[in-house]
């Protein structure tokens, strides 16, 4: 079972991307800044919507195709 995403997971995702791309492609700190800023913007823009979709799922409401994409 996949657990629910929590705020502290965001930092792990950011650090993992930075580490993988630094090791495999020798990317520097500018890539780290790019990933950090992008991931935080994505979380801010989608995070609230995902929470609303999960509430719909728990209440038994049907979801649209776009809403399912947010959950997956």
C-alpha atoms as a PDB file:
ATOM      1  CA  UNK A   1       0.000   0.000   0.000  1.00  0.00           C
ATOM      2  CA  UNK A   2       1.279   3.464  -0.868  1.00  0.00           C
ATOM      3  CA  UNK A   3       0.933   5.866   2.008  1.00  0.00           C
ATOM      4  CA  UNK A   4      -0.406   9.393   1.743  1.00  0.00           C
ATOM      5  CA  UNK A   5       2.073  12.072   0.703  1.00  0.00           C
ATOM      6  CA  UNK A   6       3.046  14.388   3.553  1.00  0.00           C
ATOM      7  CA  UNK A   7       4.900  17.718   3.493  1.00  0.00           C
ATOM      8  CA  UNK A   8       8.210  16.255   4.718  1.00  0.00           C
ATOM      9  CA  UNK A   9       8.247  13.890   1.710  1.00  0.00           C
ATOM     10  CA  UNK A  10       8.794  16.897  -0.520  1.00  0.00           C
ATOM     11  CA  UNK A  11      12.287  17.458   0.875  1.00  0.00           C
ATOM     12  CA  UNK A  12      13.167  13.792   0.305  1.00  0.00           C
ATOM     13  CA  UNK A  13      11.988  13.960  -3.315  1.00  0.00           C
ATOM     14  CA  UNK A  14      14.039  17.100  -3.895  1.00  0.00           C
ATOM     15  CA  UNK A  15      17.171  15.629  -2.315  1.00  0.00           C
ATOM     16  CA  UNK A  16      16.825  12.365  -4.223  1.00  0.00           C
ATOM     17  CA  UNK A  17      16.538  14.184  -7.572  1.00  0.00           C
ATOM     18  CA  UNK A  18      19.569  16.308  -6.793  1.00  0.00           C
ATOM     19  CA  UNK A  19      21.639  13.305  -5.687  1.00  0.00           C
ATOM     20  CA  UNK A  20      20.690  11.115  -8.666  1.00  0.00           C
ATOM     21  CA  UNK A  21      21.305  13.781 -11.297  1.00  0.00           C
ATOM     22  CA  UNK A  22      24.555  14.906  -9.644  1.00  0.00           C
ATOM     23  CA  UNK A  23      25.860  11.312  -9.586  1.00  0.00           C
ATOM     24  CA  UNK A  24      24.667  10.277 -13.050  1.00  0.00           C
ATOM     25  CA  UNK A  25      25.031  13.507 -15.037  1.00  0.00           C
ATOM     26  CA  UNK A  26      27.423  15.608 -12.917  1.00  0.00           C
ATOM     27  CA  UNK A  27      24.881  18.429 -12.568  1.00  0.00           C
ATOM     28  CA  UNK A  28      25.923  21.301 -10.309  1.00  0.00           C
ATOM     29  CA  UNK A  29      24.183  23.460  -7.697  1.00  0.00           C
ATOM     30  CA  UNK A  30      22.195  25.355 -10.358  1.00  0.00           C
ATOM     31  CA  UNK A  31      20.237  22.156 -11.049  1.00  0.00           C
ATOM     32  CA  UNK A  32      19.596  21.798  -7.314  1.00  0.00           C
ATOM     33  CA  UNK A  33      18.081  25.286  -7.254  1.00  0.00           C
ATOM     34  CA  UNK A  34      15.991  24.500 -10.345  1.00  0.00           C
ATOM     35  CA  UNK A  35      14.600  21.290  -8.814  1.00  0.00           C
ATOM     36  CA  UNK A  36      13.965  22.861  -5.419  1.00  0.00           C
ATOM     37  CA  UNK A  37      12.056  25.811  -6.862  1.00  0.00           C
ATOM     38  CA  UNK A  38      10.099  23.678  -9.335  1.00  0.00           C
ATOM     39  CA  UNK A  39       9.105  21.040  -6.801  1.00  0.00           C
ATOM     40  CA  UNK A  40       7.946  23.634  -4.293  1.00  0.00           C
ATOM     41  CA  UNK A  41       5.884  25.488  -6.920  1.00  0.00           C
ATOM     42  CA  UNK A  42       4.306  22.224  -8.042  1.00  0.00           C
ATOM     43  CA  UNK A  43       3.436  21.249  -4.480  1.00  0.00           C
ATOM     44  CA  UNK A  44       1.913  24.663  -3.800  1.00  0.00           C
ATOM     45  CA  UNK A  45      -0.173  24.660  -6.961  1.00  0.00           C
ATOM     46  CA  UNK A  46      -1.340  21.041  -6.868  1.00  0.00           C
ATOM     47  CA  UNK A  47      -1.149  20.163  -3.183  1.00  0.00           C
ATOM     48  CA  UNK A  48      -4.415  21.762  -2.195  1.00  0.00           C
ATOM     49  CA  UNK A  49      -6.241  20.291  -5.157  1.00  0.00           C
ATOM     50  CA  UNK A  50      -5.000  16.773  -4.368  1.00  0.00           C
ATOM     51  CA  UNK A  51      -6.275  17.065  -0.805  1.00  0.00           C
ATOM     52  CA  UNK A  52      -9.715  18.005  -2.118  1.00  0.00           C
ATOM     53  CA  UNK A  53      -9.728  15.050  -4.512  1.00  0.00           C
ATOM     54  CA  UNK A  54      -8.816  12.648  -1.712  1.00  0.00           C
ATOM     55  CA  UNK A  55     -11.709  13.963   0.351  1.00  0.00           C
ATOM     56  CA  UNK A  56     -14.003  13.279  -2.608  1.00  0.00           C
ATOM     57  CA  UNK A  57     -12.668   9.727  -2.874  1.00  0.00           C
ATOM     58  CA  UNK A  58     -13.215   9.068   0.826  1.00  0.00           C
ATOM     59  CA  UNK A  59     -16.765  10.361   0.617  1.00  0.00           C
ATOM     60  CA  UNK A  60     -17.518   8.009  -2.279  1.00  0.00           C
ATOM     61  CA  UNK A  61     -17.970  10.691  -4.933  1.00  0.00           C
ATOM     62  CA  UNK A  62     -17.018   9.897  -8.515  1.00  0.00           C
ATOM     63  CA  UNK A  63     -13.875  11.517  -9.905  1.00  0.00           C
ATOM     64  CA  UNK A  64     -13.200  13.000 -13.318  1.00  0.00           C
ATOM     65  CA  UNK A  65     -10.295  11.750 -15.437  1.00  0.00           C
ATOM     66  CA  UNK A  66      -8.266  14.862 -14.516  1.00  0.00           C
ATOM     67  CA  UNK A  67      -8.850  14.217 -10.827  1.00  0.00           C
ATOM     68  CA  UNK A  68      -7.678  10.607 -11.167  1.00  0.00           C
ATOM     69  CA  UNK A  69      -4.461  11.873 -12.765  1.00  0.00           C
ATOM     70  CA  UNK A  70      -3.812  14.008  -9.674  1.00  0.00           C
ATOM     71  CA  UNK A  71      -4.200  10.994  -7.418  1.00  0.00           C
ATOM     72  CA  UNK A  72      -1.999   8.664  -9.453  1.00  0.00           C
END
